[in-house]
Each structure stands twice: as structure tokens, then as C-alpha cells.
Protein backbone atom coordinates (compact mmCIF):
# COMPACT_ATOMS: atom_id res chain seq x y z
CA UNK A 1 35.52 10.87 -6.43
CA UNK A 2 34.19 13.89 -6.24
CA UNK A 3 31.06 14.38 -7.91
CA UNK A 4 31.90 17.68 -9.88
CA UNK A 5 35.35 15.43 -11.44
CA UNK A 6 32.73 12.91 -12.56
CA UNK A 7 30.58 15.48 -13.92
CA UNK A 8 34.46 16.73 -16.02
CA UNK A 9 35.06 13.16 -16.52
CA UNK A 10 31.56 12.64 -18.63
CA UNK A 11 31.40 15.64 -19.93
CA UNK A 12 34.74 14.76 -21.59
CA UNK A 13 33.44 11.16 -22.61
CA UNK A 14 30.63 12.82 -24.08
CA UNK A 15 32.70 15.62 -26.23
CA UNK A 16 35.24 12.85 -27.72
CA UNK A 17 32.04 10.93 -28.64
CA UNK A 18 30.82 14.15 -30.83
CA UNK A 19 33.62 14.78 -32.33
CA UNK A 20 34.49 11.45 -33.21
CA UNK A 21 31.15 11.37 -34.72
CA UNK A 22 31.34 14.44 -36.41
CA UNK A 23 34.66 14.03 -37.96
CA UNK A 24 34.11 10.09 -38.77
CA UNK A 25 30.42 12.00 -41.05
CA UNK A 26 32.94 14.65 -42.29
CA UNK A 27 35.41 12.32 -43.35
CA UNK A 28 33.12 10.06 -45.05
CA UNK A 29 31.59 13.38 -46.70
CA UNK A 30 35.09 14.34 -47.50
CA UNK A 31 36.19 10.68 -49.05
CA UNK A 32 33.41 10.04 -51.65
CA UNK A 33 34.26 13.77 -52.06
CA UNK A 34 37.70 12.77 -52.70
CA UNK A 35 36.97 9.54 -54.92
CA UNK A 36 35.59 12.01 -57.12
CA UNK A 37 37.35 14.92 -58.05
CA UNK A 38 40.97 13.57 -56.92
CA UNK A 39 40.90 9.97 -58.33
CA UNK A 40 44.04 11.63 -60.85
CA UNK A 41 46.10 12.19 -57.83
CA UNK A 42 48.57 9.64 -57.05
CA UNK A 43 47.56 7.64 -53.20
CA UNK A 44 44.94 10.33 -52.37
CA UNK A 45 42.24 8.19 -51.65
CA UNK A 46 44.51 6.30 -49.72
CA UNK A 47 46.45 9.16 -47.58
CA UNK A 48 42.81 10.84 -46.15
CA UNK A 49 42.32 7.53 -44.95
CA UNK A 50 45.15 6.51 -43.17
CA UNK A 51 45.03 10.30 -42.04
CA UNK A 52 41.12 9.66 -40.88
CA UNK A 53 41.79 6.48 -38.88
CA UNK A 54 44.49 7.44 -37.30
CA UNK A 55 43.20 10.58 -35.77
CA UNK A 56 39.77 8.47 -35.59
CA UNK A 57 42.00 5.74 -33.51
CA UNK A 58 43.39 8.51 -31.56
CA UNK A 59 40.29 9.55 -30.26
CA UNK A 60 38.92 6.29 -29.27
CA UNK A 61 41.76 5.65 -27.90
CA UNK A 62 41.81 8.49 -25.22
CA UNK A 63 37.80 8.08 -24.69
CA UNK A 64 39.05 4.09 -23.51
CA UNK A 65 42.04 5.90 -21.56
CA UNK A 66 39.22 8.59 -19.38
CA UNK A 67 36.82 5.52 -18.95
CA UNK A 68 39.50 3.64 -17.25
CA UNK A 69 41.01 6.75 -15.64
CA UNK A 70 37.07 7.05 -14.36
CA UNK A 71 36.59 3.59 -13.00
CA UNK A 72 39.67 3.33 -11.25
CA UNK A 73 39.25 6.55 -9.33
CA UNK A 74 36.30 4.94 -8.71
CA UNK A 75 37.93 1.63 -7.31
CA UNK A 76 40.02 3.64 -4.78
CA UNK A 77 37.59 5.83 -4.02
CA UNK A 78 35.55 3.10 -2.57
CA UNK A 79 38.58 1.11 -1.53
CA UNK A 80 39.80 4.40 0.89
CA UNK A 81 35.75 4.31 2.75
CA UNK A 82 35.94 0.90 3.11
CA UNK A 83 38.85 1.50 5.35
CA UNK A 84 37.67 3.91 7.23
CA UNK A 85 34.47 2.24 7.21
CA UNK A 86 36.42 -0.63 8.96
CA UNK A 87 39.02 1.74 11.36
CA UNK A 88 35.53 3.34 12.80
CA UNK A 89 34.37 0.24 13.43
CA UNK A 90 36.93 -1.38 14.95
CA UNK A 91 37.76 2.10 17.44
CA UNK A 92 33.87 1.77 18.46
CA UNK A 93 34.52 -2.29 19.19
CA UNK A 94 37.92 -1.66 21.04
CA UNK A 95 35.89 1.39 23.54
CA UNK A 96 32.92 -0.99 24.38
CA UNK A 97 36.08 -3.53 24.80
CA UNK A 98 37.06 -1.08 27.33
CA UNK A 99 34.32 -0.01 29.15
CA UNK A 100 32.99 -3.83 29.49
CA UNK A 101 36.09 -4.87 30.61
CA UNK A 102 36.38 -1.77 33.51
CA UNK A 103 32.77 -3.00 33.87
CA UNK A 104 31.80 0.99 34.67
CA UNK A 105 31.61 4.21 32.52
CA UNK A 106 32.23 7.24 33.33
CA UNK A 107 32.01 10.40 31.58
CA UNK A 108 35.06 10.47 30.15
CA UNK A 109 33.97 6.77 28.49
CA UNK A 110 30.45 7.95 27.88
CA UNK A 111 31.93 11.47 25.69
CA UNK A 112 34.13 9.47 23.80
CA UNK A 113 30.93 7.36 22.70
CA UNK A 114 28.88 9.98 21.23
CA UNK A 115 31.49 11.22 18.97
CA UNK A 116 31.96 7.38 17.69
CA UNK A 117 28.25 6.93 17.43
CA UNK A 118 28.37 10.86 15.33
CA UNK A 119 31.52 8.86 13.33
CA UNK A 120 29.42 5.69 12.10
CA UNK A 121 26.72 8.15 11.41
CA UNK A 122 28.85 9.40 8.64
CA UNK A 123 29.90 6.27 7.29
CA UNK A 124 27.56 3.06 8.86
CA UNK A 125 25.20 1.29 6.59
CA UNK A 126 21.16 2.07 7.40
CA UNK A 127 20.91 -2.01 8.58
CA UNK A 128 24.36 -0.66 10.33
CA UNK A 129 22.19 2.16 12.37
CA UNK A 130 18.76 0.83 12.33
CA UNK A 131 20.20 -2.19 14.95
CA UNK A 132 23.24 0.51 16.75
CA UNK A 133 20.14 2.18 18.04
CA UNK A 134 18.34 -0.71 19.61
CA UNK A 135 21.95 -1.17 20.96
CA UNK A 136 22.23 2.51 22.03
CA UNK A 137 18.90 1.48 24.20
CA UNK A 138 19.94 -1.04 25.85
CA UNK A 139 23.66 -0.11 26.52
CA UNK A 140 21.81 3.35 28.24
CA UNK A 141 19.61 0.58 30.17
CA UNK A 142 22.55 -0.63 31.51
CA UNK A 143 24.42 2.14 32.47
CA UNK A 144 22.05 3.83 34.17
CA UNK A 145 24.57 4.05 37.14
CA UNK A 146 27.21 3.98 35.47
CA UNK A 147 28.14 0.22 36.93
CA UNK A 148 27.76 -2.73 34.71
CA UNK A 149 26.77 -6.00 36.77
CA UNK A 150 27.58 -9.33 35.19
CA UNK A 151 23.53 -9.10 33.92
CA UNK A 152 24.39 -6.40 32.32
CA UNK A 153 27.19 -7.18 30.52
CA UNK A 154 25.87 -10.29 29.04
CA UNK A 155 22.62 -7.97 27.80
CA UNK A 156 25.16 -5.72 26.66
CA UNK A 157 27.45 -8.56 24.52
CA UNK A 158 24.18 -9.92 22.77
CA UNK A 159 22.94 -6.74 21.65
CA UNK A 160 26.69 -5.54 20.37
CA UNK A 161 26.39 -8.92 18.67
CA UNK A 162 23.60 -9.07 16.95
CA UNK A 163 24.59 -4.96 16.19
CA UNK A 164 28.31 -7.35 14.85
CA UNK A 165 26.43 -8.88 12.49
CA UNK A 166 25.20 -6.00 11.06
CA UNK A 167 28.92 -4.39 10.47
CA UNK A 168 29.69 -8.01 8.55
CA UNK A 169 27.00 -7.05 6.13
CA UNK A 170 28.50 -4.00 5.66
CA UNK A 171 31.39 -4.97 5.49
CA UNK A 172 31.60 -8.38 3.83
CA UNK A 173 28.77 -8.34 1.73
CA UNK A 174 29.92 -10.08 -1.17
CA UNK A 175 32.49 -12.04 0.26
CA UNK A 176 29.28 -13.40 2.07
CA UNK A 177 27.11 -13.27 -0.91
CA UNK A 178 29.90 -15.89 -2.95
CA UNK A 179 29.56 -18.04 0.13
CA UNK A 180 28.37 -21.26 0.44
CA UNK A 181 25.72 -20.25 3.69
CA UNK A 182 23.20 -17.20 3.68
CA UNK A 183 23.59 -14.33 5.48
CA UNK A 184 20.83 -15.53 8.00
CA UNK A 185 22.55 -18.49 8.81
CA UNK A 186 26.07 -16.52 9.69
CA UNK A 187 24.07 -14.39 11.71
CA UNK A 188 22.76 -17.36 13.20
CA UNK A 189 26.10 -18.66 13.52
CA UNK A 190 27.43 -15.25 15.61
CA UNK A 191 24.76 -14.97 18.24
CA UNK A 192 24.45 -18.66 19.00
CA UNK A 193 28.79 -18.27 19.60
CA UNK A 194 27.58 -15.30 21.60
CA UNK A 195 25.10 -17.12 24.14
CA UNK A 196 27.30 -20.63 24.11
CA UNK A 197 30.43 -17.71 25.21
CA UNK A 198 27.70 -16.29 27.79
CA UNK A 199 25.98 -19.37 29.00
CA UNK A 200 30.05 -20.41 29.92
CA UNK A 201 31.06 -17.38 31.89
CA UNK A 202 27.62 -18.21 34.38
């Protein structure tokens, strides 16, 4: 939800609250007057109470609906942003898979990686960006000659595994928080799995 729209909803909520308060206070004052001056009219007080109660109910309902709309919009925006994050992370991992399978990094591959870096800069969490910088340093060292030997491939894979732990934290933070395993234990398991795969491939 845009900041401008959020401010509009907040302003509407405040106006509803002010209007309800003013109506309630003025209604109370009027009722006191009605009981003193208009008590000779049949059901005058009851009619005034019903009207005021109806108006206040409508205003409170409008306030709650407005708040519910704001919450739903925030939730929808959060889901869309998470989908965007996931899409960019997966594209990045797919591209690295292609490079490692080819065991070479062409100029086209590097150009695509640059653009993916820009996209990551938009959506990634600070922890992901920090770990990504370490990955890039390792990747550049391993691809200086435009080819990737098995040892360099393993080094890139380990650096990528560390980056993957941060990506997982960014995407599944709430789910992992409810897990019986801590974030550190999950990260250690991912790195251990990668080390075993590297050892088996030698």
C-alpha cells in the first residue's frame, strides 16, 4: 500500500473518530435538554436515543470497515512483495546453476548477473545483501579466467550455500520461528548438506 493511500486511510479514521466524539457529546447535551424541555411530548427521548444510537452505530461500523480494509491491503501488499522476492531469488539461483553447469562465465552471463544484482538490491534484506557481497567476492575470484574448475565450483557452491541460508531466513523467518529448530541449526544443516555433497563428488 502506498504511503499516500495509507495517510488517506489514517486521516479518514481520525475524521470518523472526531465526528463520532462530537456527535456523542452533542447528543448527550441535547438529551439532557430534551429530558428537561421536551418531556411532555410522547416518546421524544426514546426517539432521540434511537436516532443517535443508529448514527453512532453507522459511524463506528464505517470506522471498523475502514480499518479492516487497511489491514487487508497491507496483507495483500506483503504477499505480493514476498512473491516478488521469491521470483528474483529463484531467477538468481537458476542463473548460477546454468553458469556452474557450463563451467564458464561468458560476458552475457556476467551481464545477466549484474542485472540480477540490481534486482536483489531492491528486494533483499540487509542480511542477504551482506552475505551476497561475500558471495560476489568469491565468484569474481573463481571466474577471473572466465572458466570454472572443479575446486572453484566447490568454493562457489559453499559461498552460495551460506547465501542460501540468509535467503531462507528472509523468506521463511516466521515459519522457522515456529520450528523446533533454531535459525542457527537450520543454517548449519544446509552447510553440512553442501559439504557432504562436495565431499561425495570428489
